[in-house]
C-alpha atoms as a PDB file:
ATOM      1  CA  UNK A   1     -32.993 -11.829 -10.048  1.00  0.00           C
ATOM      2  CA  UNK A   2     -32.204 -14.146  -7.154  1.00  0.00           C
ATOM      3  CA  UNK A   3     -29.176 -12.889  -5.214  1.00  0.00           C
ATOM      4  CA  UNK A   4     -26.845 -15.572  -3.825  1.00  0.00           C
ATOM      5  CA  UNK A   5     -26.478 -15.204  -0.061  1.00  0.00           C
ATOM      6  CA  UNK A   6     -23.115 -15.444   1.657  1.00  0.00           C
ATOM      7  CA  UNK A   7     -23.644 -17.884   4.525  1.00  0.00           C
ATOM      8  CA  UNK A   8     -21.836 -17.355   7.844  1.00  0.00           C
ATOM      9  CA  UNK A   9     -19.994 -20.660   7.354  1.00  0.00           C
ATOM     10  CA  UNK A  10     -18.789 -19.498   3.896  1.00  0.00           C
ATOM     11  CA  UNK A  11     -17.767 -16.094   5.241  1.00  0.00           C
ATOM     12  CA  UNK A  12     -15.677 -17.865   7.909  1.00  0.00           C
ATOM     13  CA  UNK A  13     -13.825 -19.759   5.155  1.00  0.00           C
ATOM     14  CA  UNK A  14     -12.903 -16.474   3.427  1.00  0.00           C
ATOM     15  CA  UNK A  15     -11.999 -14.873   6.775  1.00  0.00           C
ATOM     16  CA  UNK A  16      -9.660 -17.709   7.708  1.00  0.00           C
ATOM     17  CA  UNK A  17      -8.092 -17.995   4.231  1.00  0.00           C
ATOM     18  CA  UNK A  18      -7.462 -14.227   3.931  1.00  0.00           C
ATOM     19  CA  UNK A  19      -5.925 -14.077   7.405  1.00  0.00           C
ATOM     20  CA  UNK A  20      -3.674 -17.022   6.643  1.00  0.00           C
ATOM     21  CA  UNK A  21      -2.531 -15.745   3.258  1.00  0.00           C
ATOM     22  CA  UNK A  22      -2.289 -11.971   3.851  1.00  0.00           C
ATOM     23  CA  UNK A  23      -2.495 -11.424   7.625  1.00  0.00           C
ATOM     24  CA  UNK A  24      -5.650  -9.346   7.141  1.00  0.00           C
ATOM     25  CA  UNK A  25      -8.399  -9.714   9.727  1.00  0.00           C
ATOM     26  CA  UNK A  26     -11.891  -9.408   8.240  1.00  0.00           C
ATOM     27  CA  UNK A  27     -14.330  -8.471  10.988  1.00  0.00           C
ATOM     28  CA  UNK A  28     -17.888  -9.814  10.769  1.00  0.00           C
ATOM     29  CA  UNK A  29     -18.925  -6.243   9.859  1.00  0.00           C
ATOM     30  CA  UNK A  30     -17.177  -6.853   6.491  1.00  0.00           C
ATOM     31  CA  UNK A  31     -19.497  -9.709   5.485  1.00  0.00           C
ATOM     32  CA  UNK A  32     -21.615  -7.506   3.188  1.00  0.00           C
ATOM     33  CA  UNK A  33     -18.457  -6.062   1.588  1.00  0.00           C
ATOM     34  CA  UNK A  34     -17.139  -9.576   0.864  1.00  0.00           C
ATOM     35  CA  UNK A  35     -20.481 -10.635  -0.632  1.00  0.00           C
ATOM     36  CA  UNK A  36     -20.672  -7.450  -2.729  1.00  0.00           C
ATOM     37  CA  UNK A  37     -17.138  -7.689  -4.079  1.00  0.00           C
ATOM     38  CA  UNK A  38     -17.163 -11.401  -4.865  1.00  0.00           C
ATOM     39  CA  UNK A  39     -20.702 -11.783  -6.237  1.00  0.00           C
ATOM     40  CA  UNK A  40     -19.636 -10.494  -9.702  1.00  0.00           C
ATOM     41  CA  UNK A  41     -17.033 -13.264  -9.860  1.00  0.00           C
ATOM     42  CA  UNK A  42     -19.669 -15.917  -9.031  1.00  0.00           C
ATOM     43  CA  UNK A  43     -21.808 -14.611 -11.865  1.00  0.00           C
ATOM     44  CA  UNK A  44     -18.832 -14.403 -14.241  1.00  0.00           C
ATOM     45  CA  UNK A  45     -17.805 -18.001 -13.500  1.00  0.00           C
ATOM     46  CA  UNK A  46     -21.405 -19.225 -13.387  1.00  0.00           C
ATOM     47  CA  UNK A  47     -21.039 -20.632  -9.858  1.00  0.00           C
ATOM     48  CA  UNK A  48     -24.037 -21.340  -7.641  1.00  0.00           C
ATOM     49  CA  UNK A  49     -22.645 -20.411  -4.215  1.00  0.00           C
ATOM     50  CA  UNK A  50     -19.827 -18.596  -2.414  1.00  0.00           C
ATOM     51  CA  UNK A  51     -18.766 -22.026  -1.126  1.00  0.00           C
ATOM     52  CA  UNK A  52     -18.304 -23.186  -4.741  1.00  0.00           C
ATOM     53  CA  UNK A  53     -16.261 -20.056  -5.426  1.00  0.00           C
ATOM     54  CA  UNK A  54     -14.093 -20.718  -2.379  1.00  0.00           C
ATOM     55  CA  UNK A  55     -13.429 -24.306  -3.534  1.00  0.00           C
ATOM     56  CA  UNK A  56     -12.617 -22.964  -7.000  1.00  0.00           C
ATOM     57  CA  UNK A  57     -10.012 -20.421  -5.827  1.00  0.00           C
ATOM     58  CA  UNK A  58      -8.408 -23.042  -3.578  1.00  0.00           C
ATOM     59  CA  UNK A  59      -7.972 -25.505  -6.490  1.00  0.00           C
ATOM     60  CA  UNK A  60      -4.553 -25.640  -8.147  1.00  0.00           C
ATOM     61  CA  UNK A  61      -5.970 -24.647 -11.509  1.00  0.00           C
ATOM     62  CA  UNK A  62      -7.220 -21.269 -10.293  1.00  0.00           C
ATOM     63  CA  UNK A  63      -4.035 -19.353  -9.378  1.00  0.00           C
ATOM     64  CA  UNK A  64      -5.171 -16.369 -11.454  1.00  0.00           C
ATOM     65  CA  UNK A  65      -8.600 -16.302  -9.794  1.00  0.00           C
ATOM     66  CA  UNK A  66      -6.944 -16.547  -6.369  1.00  0.00           C
ATOM     67  CA  UNK A  67      -5.096 -13.292  -7.133  1.00  0.00           C
ATOM     68  CA  UNK A  68      -8.346 -11.683  -8.367  1.00  0.00           C
ATOM     69  CA  UNK A  69     -10.015 -12.595  -5.050  1.00  0.00           C
ATOM     70  CA  UNK A  70      -7.073 -11.152  -3.086  1.00  0.00           C
ATOM     71  CA  UNK A  71      -7.226  -7.968  -5.188  1.00  0.00           C
ATOM     72  CA  UNK A  72     -10.964  -7.600  -4.551  1.00  0.00           C
ATOM     73  CA  UNK A  73     -10.701  -8.149  -0.801  1.00  0.00           C
ATOM     74  CA  UNK A  74      -7.573  -6.096  -0.024  1.00  0.00           C
ATOM     75  CA  UNK A  75      -8.192  -2.884  -1.942  1.00  0.00           C
ATOM     76  CA  UNK A  76      -8.040  -0.018   0.539  1.00  0.00           C
ATOM     77  CA  UNK A  77      -8.715   3.669   0.110  1.00  0.00           C
ATOM     78  CA  UNK A  78      -5.714   5.904  -0.411  1.00  0.00           C
ATOM     79  CA  UNK A  79      -5.043   9.425  -1.650  1.00  0.00           C
ATOM     80  CA  UNK A  80      -2.216  11.836  -2.425  1.00  0.00           C
ATOM     81  CA  UNK A  81      -0.488  13.461   0.567  1.00  0.00           C
ATOM     82  CA  UNK A  82      -2.596  11.515   3.063  1.00  0.00           C
ATOM     83  CA  UNK A  83      -1.619  12.438   6.654  1.00  0.00           C
ATOM     84  CA  UNK A  84       0.380  15.523   5.570  1.00  0.00           C
ATOM     85  CA  UNK A  85       2.268  15.808   8.896  1.00  0.00           C
ATOM     86  CA  UNK A  86       4.501  12.937   7.747  1.00  0.00           C
ATOM     87  CA  UNK A  87       5.468  14.819   4.600  1.00  0.00           C
ATOM     88  CA  UNK A  88       6.142  17.953   6.668  1.00  0.00           C
ATOM     89  CA  UNK A  89       8.349  15.962   9.068  1.00  0.00           C
ATOM     90  CA  UNK A  90      10.243  14.496   6.130  1.00  0.00           C
ATOM     91  CA  UNK A  91      10.794  17.970   4.600  1.00  0.00           C
ATOM     92  CA  UNK A  92      11.707  19.742   7.828  1.00  0.00           C
ATOM     93  CA  UNK A  93      13.554  17.127   9.889  1.00  0.00           C
ATOM     94  CA  UNK A  94      14.918  14.390   7.615  1.00  0.00           C
ATOM     95  CA  UNK A  95      15.804  15.864   4.216  1.00  0.00           C
ATOM     96  CA  UNK A  96      17.929  18.807   5.497  1.00  0.00           C
ATOM     97  CA  UNK A  97      20.252  16.340   7.317  1.00  0.00           C
ATOM     98  CA  UNK A  98      21.076  14.177   4.284  1.00  0.00           C
ATOM     99  CA  UNK A  99      24.625  13.692   3.031  1.00  0.00           C
ATOM    100  CA  UNK A 100      24.559  14.410  -0.741  1.00  0.00           C
ATOM    101  CA  UNK A 101      26.969  11.569  -1.604  1.00  0.00           C
ATOM    102  CA  UNK A 102      24.551   8.909  -0.286  1.00  0.00           C
ATOM    103  CA  UNK A 103      21.452   7.791  -2.192  1.00  0.00           C
ATOM    104  CA  UNK A 104      18.275   8.301  -0.149  1.00  0.00           C
ATOM    105  CA  UNK A 105      15.955   5.274  -0.389  1.00  0.00           C
ATOM    106  CA  UNK A 106      12.297   5.161   0.660  1.00  0.00           C
ATOM    107  CA  UNK A 107       9.968   2.149   0.760  1.00  0.00           C
ATOM    108  CA  UNK A 108       6.209   2.612   0.527  1.00  0.00           C
ATOM    109  CA  UNK A 109       5.401  -0.843   1.900  1.00  0.00           C
ATOM    110  CA  UNK A 110       1.633  -0.853   1.351  1.00  0.00           C
ATOM    111  CA  UNK A 111       1.543   1.393  -1.677  1.00  0.00           C
ATOM    112  CA  UNK A 112      -1.907   0.450  -2.999  1.00  0.00           C
ATOM    113  CA  UNK A 113      -2.490   2.356  -6.277  1.00  0.00           C
ATOM    114  CA  UNK A 114       0.673   4.449  -5.912  1.00  0.00           C
ATOM    115  CA  UNK A 115      -0.552   7.748  -4.478  1.00  0.00           C
ATOM    116  CA  UNK A 116       1.678   7.511  -1.399  1.00  0.00           C
ATOM    117  CA  UNK A 117       4.807   6.615  -3.406  1.00  0.00           C
ATOM    118  CA  UNK A 118       4.241   9.504  -5.829  1.00  0.00           C
ATOM    119  CA  UNK A 119       3.537  11.933  -2.968  1.00  0.00           C
ATOM    120  CA  UNK A 120       6.935  10.982  -1.508  1.00  0.00           C
ATOM    121  CA  UNK A 121       8.520  11.354  -4.960  1.00  0.00           C
ATOM    122  CA  UNK A 122       7.077  14.849  -5.449  1.00  0.00           C
ATOM    123  CA  UNK A 123       8.367  15.880  -2.018  1.00  0.00           C
ATOM    124  CA  UNK A 124      11.872  14.573  -2.746  1.00  0.00           C
ATOM    125  CA  UNK A 125      12.005  16.014  -6.262  1.00  0.00           C
ATOM    126  CA  UNK A 126      10.976  19.372  -4.829  1.00  0.00           C
ATOM    127  CA  UNK A 127      13.564  19.466  -2.068  1.00  0.00           C
ATOM    128  CA  UNK A 128      16.583  17.364  -3.016  1.00  0.00           C
ATOM    129  CA  UNK A 129      18.717  19.062  -5.621  1.00  0.00           C
ATOM    130  CA  UNK A 130      22.092  17.421  -4.977  1.00  0.00           C
ATOM    131  CA  UNK A 131      21.117  14.093  -3.344  1.00  0.00           C
ATOM    132  CA  UNK A 132      20.233  11.047  -5.451  1.00  0.00           C
ATOM    133  CA  UNK A 133      17.066   9.250  -4.380  1.00  0.00           C
ATOM    134  CA  UNK A 134      14.785   6.376  -5.293  1.00  0.00           C
ATOM    135  CA  UNK A 135      11.441   5.068  -4.142  1.00  0.00           C
ATOM    136  CA  UNK A 136      10.251   1.496  -3.981  1.00  0.00           C
ATOM    137  CA  UNK A 137       6.546   0.741  -3.657  1.00  0.00           C
ATOM    138  CA  UNK A 138       5.052  -2.664  -2.880  1.00  0.00           C
ATOM    139  CA  UNK A 139       1.576  -4.087  -2.480  1.00  0.00           C
ATOM    140  CA  UNK A 140      -0.141  -7.464  -2.454  1.00  0.00           C
ATOM    141  CA  UNK A 141      -2.687  -6.472  -5.111  1.00  0.00           C
ATOM    142  CA  UNK A 142      -1.633  -6.835  -8.760  1.00  0.00           C
ATOM    143  CA  UNK A 143      -4.562  -4.608  -9.808  1.00  0.00           C
ATOM    144  CA  UNK A 144      -3.362  -1.779  -7.572  1.00  0.00           C
ATOM    145  CA  UNK A 145       0.228  -2.192  -8.784  1.00  0.00           C
ATOM    146  CA  UNK A 146      -0.896  -1.925 -12.412  1.00  0.00           C
ATOM    147  CA  UNK A 147      -2.520   1.451 -11.640  1.00  0.00           C
ATOM    148  CA  UNK A 148       0.545   2.533  -9.637  1.00  0.00           C
ATOM    149  CA  UNK A 149       2.965   1.754 -12.469  1.00  0.00           C
ATOM    150  CA  UNK A 150       0.802   3.685 -14.941  1.00  0.00           C
ATOM    151  CA  UNK A 151       0.651   6.790 -12.704  1.00  0.00           C
ATOM    152  CA  UNK A 152      -2.605   7.741 -14.446  1.00  0.00           C
ATOM    153  CA  UNK A 153      -5.494   8.912 -12.230  1.00  0.00           C
ATOM    154  CA  UNK A 154      -8.944  10.547 -12.346  1.00  0.00           C
ATOM    155  CA  UNK A 155      -8.621  14.332 -12.016  1.00  0.00           C
ATOM    156  CA  UNK A 156     -10.657  14.264  -8.764  1.00  0.00           C
ATOM    157  CA  UNK A 157      -7.644  12.579  -7.112  1.00  0.00           C
ATOM    158  CA  UNK A 158      -5.538  15.695  -7.750  1.00  0.00           C
ATOM    159  CA  UNK A 159      -7.390  17.791  -5.177  1.00  0.00           C
ATOM    160  CA  UNK A 160      -5.020  16.857  -2.319  1.00  0.00           C
ATOM    161  CA  UNK A 161      -1.824  17.592  -4.297  1.00  0.00           C
ATOM    162  CA  UNK A 162      -0.298  21.036  -3.487  1.00  0.00           C
ATOM    163  CA  UNK A 163      -0.869  23.353  -6.468  1.00  0.00           C
ATOM    164  CA  UNK A 164       2.820  24.000  -7.177  1.00  0.00           C
ATOM    165  CA  UNK A 165       3.584  20.263  -7.250  1.00  0.00           C
ATOM    166  CA  UNK A 166       0.538  19.546  -9.387  1.00  0.00           C
ATOM    167  CA  UNK A 167       1.728  21.950 -12.081  1.00  0.00           C
ATOM    168  CA  UNK A 168       5.355  20.747 -11.820  1.00  0.00           C
ATOM    169  CA  UNK A 169       4.902  16.980 -11.749  1.00  0.00           C
ATOM    170  CA  UNK A 170       1.522  16.159 -13.303  1.00  0.00           C
ATOM    171  CA  UNK A 171       0.166  16.434 -16.849  1.00  0.00           C
ATOM    172  CA  UNK A 172      -3.498  17.207 -17.375  1.00  0.00           C
ATOM    173  CA  UNK A 173      -5.271  14.916 -19.827  1.00  0.00           C
ATOM    174  CA  UNK A 174      -6.822  16.387 -22.979  1.00  0.00           C
ATOM    175  CA  UNK A 175      -9.039  14.953 -25.701  1.00  0.00           C
ATOM    176  CA  UNK A 176      -9.714  11.282 -24.971  1.00  0.00           C
ATOM    177  CA  UNK A 177      -7.796  11.609 -21.677  1.00  0.00           C
ATOM    178  CA  UNK A 178      -9.850  14.548 -20.409  1.00  0.00           C
ATOM    179  CA  UNK A 179     -10.837  14.216 -16.751  1.00  0.00           C
ATOM    180  CA  UNK A 180      -7.566  12.470 -15.892  1.00  0.00           C
ATOM    181  CA  UNK A 181      -3.956  13.379 -15.110  1.00  0.00           C
ATOM    182  CA  UNK A 182      -0.636  11.599 -15.478  1.00  0.00           C
ATOM    183  CA  UNK A 183       2.375  11.729 -13.143  1.00  0.00           C
ATOM    184  CA  UNK A 184       5.160  12.942 -15.441  1.00  0.00           C
ATOM    185  CA  UNK A 185       7.634  10.410 -16.813  1.00  0.00           C
ATOM    186  CA  UNK A 186      10.844  11.600 -15.078  1.00  0.00           C
ATOM    187  CA  UNK A 187       9.173  11.232 -11.694  1.00  0.00           C
ATOM    188  CA  UNK A 188       7.619   7.869 -12.595  1.00  0.00           C
ATOM    189  CA  UNK A 189      11.046   6.587 -13.630  1.00  0.00           C
ATOM    190  CA  UNK A 190      12.374   7.115 -10.098  1.00  0.00           C
ATOM    191  CA  UNK A 191       9.635   4.982  -8.534  1.00  0.00           C
ATOM    192  CA  UNK A 192       9.583   1.194  -8.963  1.00  0.00           C
ATOM    193  CA  UNK A 193       6.861  -1.187  -7.819  1.00  0.00           C
ATOM    194  CA  UNK A 194       6.759  -4.906  -6.961  1.00  0.00           C
ATOM    195  CA  UNK A 195       4.257  -7.367  -5.531  1.00  0.00           C
ATOM    196  CA  UNK A 196       5.152  -8.254  -1.950  1.00  0.00           C
ATOM    197  CA  UNK A 197       3.081 -10.014   0.697  1.00  0.00           C
ATOM    198  CA  UNK A 198       4.153  -8.574   4.079  1.00  0.00           C
ATOM    199  CA  UNK A 199       2.813 -11.731   5.698  1.00  0.00           C
ATOM    200  CA  UNK A 200       5.541 -13.869   4.108  1.00  0.00           C
ATOM    201  CA  UNK A 201       9.358 -13.807   4.146  1.00  0.00           C
ATOM    202  CA  UNK A 202      10.446 -10.673   2.336  1.00  0.00           C
ATOM    203  CA  UNK A 203      12.598 -10.697  -0.794  1.00  0.00           C
ATOM    204  CA  UNK A 204      16.003  -8.991  -0.675  1.00  0.00           C
ATOM    205  CA  UNK A 205      15.041  -5.408  -1.420  1.00  0.00           C
ATOM    206  CA  UNK A 206      18.055  -3.861   0.301  1.00  0.00           C
ATOM    207  CA  UNK A 207      17.972  -1.262   3.056  1.00  0.00           C
ATOM    208  CA  UNK A 208      16.035   1.974   3.301  1.00  0.00           C
ATOM    209  CA  UNK A 209      16.410   5.311   5.059  1.00  0.00           C
ATOM    210  CA  UNK A 210      12.665   5.592   5.484  1.00  0.00           C
ATOM    211  CA  UNK A 211       9.839   3.045   5.446  1.00  0.00           C
ATOM    212  CA  UNK A 212       6.164   4.026   5.193  1.00  0.00           C
ATOM    213  CA  UNK A 213       3.907   1.242   6.505  1.00  0.00           C
ATOM    214  CA  UNK A 214       0.683   3.212   6.919  1.00  0.00           C
ATOM    215  CA  UNK A 215      -2.982   2.241   7.096  1.00  0.00           C
ATOM    216  CA  UNK A 216      -2.361  -1.478   6.717  1.00  0.00           C
ATOM    217  CA  UNK A 217      -1.611  -2.714  10.237  1.00  0.00           C
ATOM    218  CA  UNK A 218      -5.114  -1.775  11.375  1.00  0.00           C
ATOM    219  CA  UNK A 219      -6.156  -4.892   9.443  1.00  0.00           C
ATOM    220  CA  UNK A 220      -3.691  -7.171  11.312  1.00  0.00           C
ATOM    221  CA  UNK A 221      -3.987  -8.816  14.710  1.00  0.00           C
ATOM    222  CA  UNK A 222      -1.242  -8.223  17.311  1.00  0.00           C
ATOM    223  CA  UNK A 223       0.747 -11.343  16.444  1.00  0.00           C
ATOM    224  CA  UNK A 224       0.751 -10.502  12.699  1.00  0.00           C
ATOM    225  CA  UNK A 225       1.777  -6.882  13.435  1.00  0.00           C
ATOM    226  CA  UNK A 226       4.776  -8.110  15.460  1.00  0.00           C
ATOM    227  CA  UNK A 227       5.865 -10.450  12.663  1.00  0.00           C
ATOM    228  CA  UNK A 228       5.455  -7.812   9.929  1.00  0.00           C
ATOM    229  CA  UNK A 229       7.549  -5.256  11.854  1.00  0.00           C
ATOM    230  CA  UNK A 230      10.178  -7.948  12.612  1.00  0.00           C
ATOM    231  CA  UNK A 231      10.439  -8.629   8.872  1.00  0.00           C
ATOM    232  CA  UNK A 232      10.733  -4.938   8.002  1.00  0.00           C
ATOM    233  CA  UNK A 233      13.321  -3.937  10.611  1.00  0.00           C
ATOM    234  CA  UNK A 234      16.378  -5.550   8.918  1.00  0.00           C
ATOM    235  CA  UNK A 235      15.506  -3.432   5.854  1.00  0.00           C
ATOM    236  CA  UNK A 236      15.607  -0.157   7.825  1.00  0.00           C
ATOM    237  CA  UNK A 237      19.049   1.436   8.128  1.00  0.00           C
ATOM    238  CA  UNK A 238      20.391   2.489  11.527  1.00  0.00           C
ATOM    239  CA  UNK A 239      19.204   6.057  12.065  1.00  0.00           C
ATOM    240  CA  UNK A 240      16.354   5.434   9.599  1.00  0.00           C
ATOM    241  CA  UNK A 241      12.692   6.269  10.217  1.00  0.00           C
ATOM    242  CA  UNK A 242       9.530   4.199  10.096  1.00  0.00           C
ATOM    243  CA  UNK A 243       6.124   5.879   9.692  1.00  0.00           C
ATOM    244  CA  UNK A 244       2.827   4.237  10.647  1.00  0.00           C
ATOM    245  CA  UNK A 245      -0.539   5.968  10.267  1.00  0.00           C
ATOM    246  CA  UNK A 246      -1.895   8.312  12.948  1.00  0.00           C
ATOM    247  CA  UNK A 247      -4.472   5.685  13.908  1.00  0.00           C
ATOM    248  CA  UNK A 248      -1.768   3.046  14.500  1.00  0.00           C
ATOM    249  CA  UNK A 249       0.922   2.513  17.124  1.00  0.00           C
ATOM    250  CA  UNK A 250       3.851   0.153  17.657  1.00  0.00           C
ATOM    251  CA  UNK A 251       3.226   0.080  21.396  1.00  0.00           C
ATOM    252  CA  UNK A 252       3.672  -3.540  22.519  1.00  0.00           C
ATOM    253  CA  UNK A 253       4.816  -4.563  19.024  1.00  0.00           C
ATOM    254  CA  UNK A 254       8.543  -3.790  19.102  1.00  0.00           C
ATOM    255  CA  UNK A 255      11.027  -2.245  21.516  1.00  0.00           C
ATOM    256  CA  UNK A 256      13.717  -1.922  18.851  1.00  0.00           C
ATOM    257  CA  UNK A 257      12.506   1.472  17.631  1.00  0.00           C
ATOM    258  CA  UNK A 258      12.542   4.779  19.422  1.00  0.00           C
ATOM    259  CA  UNK A 259       9.331   6.828  19.289  1.00  0.00           C
ATOM    260  CA  UNK A 260       9.969  10.340  17.951  1.00  0.00           C
ATOM    261  CA  UNK A 261       6.325  11.438  17.934  1.00  0.00           C
ATOM    262  CA  UNK A 262       3.067   9.481  17.663  1.00  0.00           C
ATOM    263  CA  UNK A 263       3.296   7.438  14.420  1.00  0.00           C
ATOM    264  CA  UNK A 264       6.999   8.318  13.770  1.00  0.00           C
ATOM    265  CA  UNK A 265       9.732   5.919  14.916  1.00  0.00           C
ATOM    266  CA  UNK A 266      13.522   5.861  14.550  1.00  0.00           C
ATOM    267  CA  UNK A 267      15.925   2.915  14.479  1.00  0.00           C
ATOM    268  CA  UNK A 268      18.837   3.662  16.859  1.00  0.00           C
END
């Protein structure tokens, strides 16, 4: 079967469009990934070239397909309790200082398929007995948000969840659901999800004590990083913390946060 080639000129169109709409920088090394992920859509829509597909998603009639393209090109790997030092810091340094009368709010601002949000939820459920809490997760991908809201995952994903939390907060699938597990309902009910594009003006989601914005800024250029952090800061309470991933830094991006340790920042 003849495989449609993604021309450099077509790749540049997708690069520029994705950067404009999501802030994500696709390096030229991602050309094969773009071709691989979008080729099924070309076949499905019976289109002859990637250029035709680009014209199609940019037409007013194709809003649904535009979201499918965004979903395909922005899906990033995630897993439960990724970068465990952040969860340790939360347990040891933040949670013991909370005032029980105040609700503790956490935003997982690039929540992908929900693993990060549920890891935070398990940590809070485990440690906070007298403090009310809630978690808000957001992502640009509707596909990822659908998985996140369901809280239903392949059993292989459970390997990074501490054993005690796995038995407390997850249900193992049986029968037709064998090989999967489900985050239990009470925990799921304390986590809400919404579609948010960090590259646009943010909706009024209130203020948070802690914002996780991990493993997403590596895809942004410096200017986009500055704008994203500027948008997030009004939503972080004074004395609140912001976590980026260990491979990221806010050096040169904002001077309005105090660095506590690499990847952990506090709003004075």
